[in-house]
Amino acid sequence: PPPSNPSRSHGVIESASLMMGETRGSFPLLKGIDLTDEQVAKFTTLKSKLSIPDDAPFDGVQDDITLYRFLRAKKWVLEDAMAQYQAMIKWRKQIDIPGVYKWAEENKDKCDLIQSLYPHGIYGEDKKGRPLIYDGLGGLPGQRFSKLVTIEEF
């Protein structure tokens, strides 16, 4: 549908599946978000300055949704959003986030144990397409968990 506000140049996508693939202009649209021309310009500038390709996959790091979150959090001040984003990238390298995923792949049994003792995860979306996260921390068997799982594994 056309934007409800004629001063806004970009429409809204309707489903999560479109969020990762449908494009308008040079970047995928953000679900449920209308961007002003000024916001589009800042968004495009941020991607350019960070050398993020237009076809970056939805990965929670360099995808359009993540970049939008940084701009919105910093009230569309481009320099502030870029500084916060670069700090996040530095933190991911320090923590070795890819190593965490590799560990999980190599230790499937331990991950299954953690999931069985501490049920948690994303279990769908609300009516607006936002993730619904379940966190069963209150039912965690603390003593048993601490005997079976180290803090590094958790």
Protein backbone atom coordinates (compact mmCIF):
# COMPACT_ATOMS: atom_id res chain seq x y z
CA PRO A 1 0.00 0.00 0.00
CA PRO A 2 1.15 3.58 -0.51
CA PRO A 3 2.60 5.41 2.50
CA SER A 4 -0.05 7.13 4.62
CA ASN A 5 2.12 10.23 4.95
CA PRO A 6 3.14 11.71 1.58
CA SER A 7 6.32 13.20 3.12
CA ARG A 8 7.56 9.67 3.76
CA SER A 9 8.99 8.03 0.68
CA HIS A 10 9.23 4.38 1.72
CA GLY A 11 6.35 2.02 2.47
CA VAL A 12 5.95 -0.79 4.96
CA ILE A 13 6.55 -4.48 4.41
CA GLU A 14 3.97 -6.88 5.70
CA SER A 15 5.72 -10.09 6.74
CA ALA A 16 8.92 -11.34 8.36
CA SER A 17 9.76 -13.34 5.25
CA LEU A 18 9.87 -10.13 3.24
CA MET A 19 12.08 -8.51 5.86
CA MET A 20 15.04 -10.56 4.72
CA GLY A 21 14.51 -10.49 0.98
CA GLU A 22 12.22 -7.78 -0.34
CA THR A 23 14.02 -4.61 -1.31
CA ARG A 24 12.96 -1.13 -2.26
CA GLY A 25 15.75 1.07 -3.48
CA SER A 26 19.13 -0.12 -2.30
CA PHE A 27 18.23 -1.75 1.04
CA PRO A 28 15.59 -4.09 2.45
CA LEU A 29 12.78 -2.29 4.18
CA LEU A 30 12.24 -2.50 7.89
CA LYS A 31 9.09 -4.25 9.01
CA GLY A 32 6.47 -1.80 10.17
CA ILE A 33 8.70 1.25 9.72
CA ASP A 34 8.23 4.24 7.43
CA LEU A 35 11.46 6.16 6.93
CA THR A 36 11.69 9.83 6.03
CA ASP A 37 13.99 10.86 3.20
CA GLU A 38 16.43 12.23 5.80
CA GLN A 39 16.45 8.90 7.66
CA VAL A 40 16.99 7.00 4.40
CA ALA A 41 19.96 9.26 3.65
CA LYS A 42 21.46 8.65 7.11
CA PHE A 43 20.81 4.94 6.84
CA THR A 44 22.51 4.78 3.44
CA THR A 45 25.43 6.87 4.70
CA LEU A 46 25.91 4.59 7.71
CA LYS A 47 26.02 1.50 5.49
CA SER A 48 28.50 3.20 3.19
CA LYS A 49 30.80 4.43 5.97
CA LEU A 50 30.80 0.97 7.57
CA SER A 51 31.39 -0.69 4.17
CA ILE A 52 28.34 -2.91 4.56
CA PRO A 53 27.07 -4.32 1.26
CA ASP A 54 23.45 -3.78 0.25
CA ASP A 55 22.91 -7.53 0.09
CA ALA A 56 24.22 -8.25 3.60
CA PRO A 57 22.39 -11.28 5.04
CA PHE A 58 20.05 -11.03 7.99
CA ASP A 59 22.57 -11.93 10.70
CA GLY A 60 21.98 -9.59 13.63
CA VAL A 61 25.27 -7.82 12.94
CA GLN A 62 25.33 -6.02 9.61
CA ASP A 63 21.80 -6.39 8.34
CA ASP A 64 19.49 -3.45 7.76
CA ILE A 65 17.37 -4.16 10.83
CA THR A 66 20.40 -4.06 13.13
CA LEU A 67 21.71 -0.86 11.57
CA TYR A 68 18.29 0.73 11.96
CA ARG A 69 18.27 -0.18 15.66
CA PHE A 70 21.60 1.61 16.18
CA LEU A 71 20.41 4.74 14.37
CA ARG A 72 17.12 4.79 16.26
CA ALA A 73 18.88 4.23 19.61
CA LYS A 74 21.10 7.24 18.96
CA LYS A 75 18.17 9.39 17.79
CA TRP A 76 19.46 9.33 14.20
CA VAL A 77 22.75 11.04 15.08
CA LEU A 78 24.94 9.32 12.52
CA GLU A 79 28.29 9.72 14.31
CA ASP A 80 26.88 8.38 17.59
CA ALA A 81 25.27 5.38 15.91
CA MET A 82 28.50 4.61 14.06
CA ALA A 83 30.55 4.83 17.27
CA GLN A 84 28.15 2.52 19.12
CA TYR A 85 28.11 0.05 16.22
CA GLN A 86 31.91 -0.02 16.04
CA ALA A 87 32.07 -0.61 19.80
CA MET A 88 29.70 -3.57 19.35
CA ILE A 89 31.92 -5.03 16.61
CA LYS A 90 34.98 -4.62 18.84
CA TRP A 91 33.14 -6.36 21.73
CA ARG A 92 32.09 -9.26 19.45
CA LYS A 93 35.74 -9.76 18.48
CA GLN A 94 36.92 -9.61 22.12
CA ILE A 95 34.31 -12.15 23.23
CA ASP A 96 34.88 -14.27 20.10
CA ILE A 97 31.22 -14.63 19.21
CA PRO A 98 31.97 -16.93 16.23
CA GLY A 99 33.82 -19.16 18.71
CA VAL A 100 30.68 -19.38 20.84
CA TYR A 101 28.71 -20.67 17.85
CA LYS A 102 31.51 -23.09 16.99
CA TRP A 103 31.55 -24.39 20.58
CA ALA A 104 27.79 -24.92 20.44
CA GLU A 105 28.10 -26.90 17.22
CA GLU A 106 30.86 -29.07 18.71
CA ASN A 107 29.06 -29.57 22.04
CA LYS A 108 25.52 -30.38 20.98
CA ASP A 109 24.99 -32.72 23.95
CA LYS A 110 25.93 -30.00 26.45
CA CYS A 111 23.65 -27.51 24.66
CA ASP A 112 20.79 -30.01 24.80
CA LEU A 113 21.44 -30.48 28.52
CA ILE A 114 21.39 -26.72 29.10
CA GLN A 115 18.15 -26.41 27.10
CA SER A 116 16.54 -29.24 29.09
CA LEU A 117 17.47 -27.66 32.44
CA TYR A 118 16.90 -24.09 31.37
CA PRO A 119 14.20 -23.98 28.69
CA HIS A 120 14.45 -20.79 26.70
CA GLY A 121 14.33 -19.54 23.15
CA ILE A 122 12.35 -17.71 20.51
CA TYR A 123 8.91 -19.23 20.10
CA GLY A 124 7.28 -17.25 17.31
CA GLU A 125 6.16 -13.69 16.76
CA ASP A 126 3.54 -11.34 18.13
CA LYS A 127 0.93 -9.67 15.90
CA LYS A 128 3.47 -7.06 14.80
CA GLY A 129 6.12 -9.65 13.93
CA ARG A 130 8.36 -9.05 16.95
CA PRO A 131 10.01 -12.16 18.38
CA LEU A 132 8.42 -13.81 21.41
CA ILE A 133 11.13 -14.98 23.76
CA TYR A 134 10.50 -17.53 26.48
CA ASP A 135 12.89 -17.54 29.42
CA GLY A 136 12.17 -20.19 32.05
CA LEU A 137 14.75 -18.94 34.55
CA GLY A 138 12.36 -19.22 37.52
CA GLY A 139 12.14 -22.99 37.09
CA LEU A 140 15.90 -23.51 36.81
CA PRO A 141 17.11 -26.28 39.16
CA GLY A 142 20.02 -24.22 40.48
CA GLN A 143 22.04 -26.83 42.37
CA ARG A 144 21.70 -29.49 39.70
CA PHE A 145 22.46 -26.98 36.97
CA SER A 146 25.63 -25.71 38.69
CA LYS A 147 26.92 -29.29 39.07
CA LEU A 148 26.35 -30.13 35.40
CA VAL A 149 27.18 -26.87 33.63
CA THR A 150 30.14 -24.52 34.15
CA ILE A 151 29.74 -20.75 33.87
CA GLU A 152 31.85 -20.82 30.69
CA GLU A 153 29.51 -23.37 29.12
CA PHE A 154 26.44 -21.38 30.04
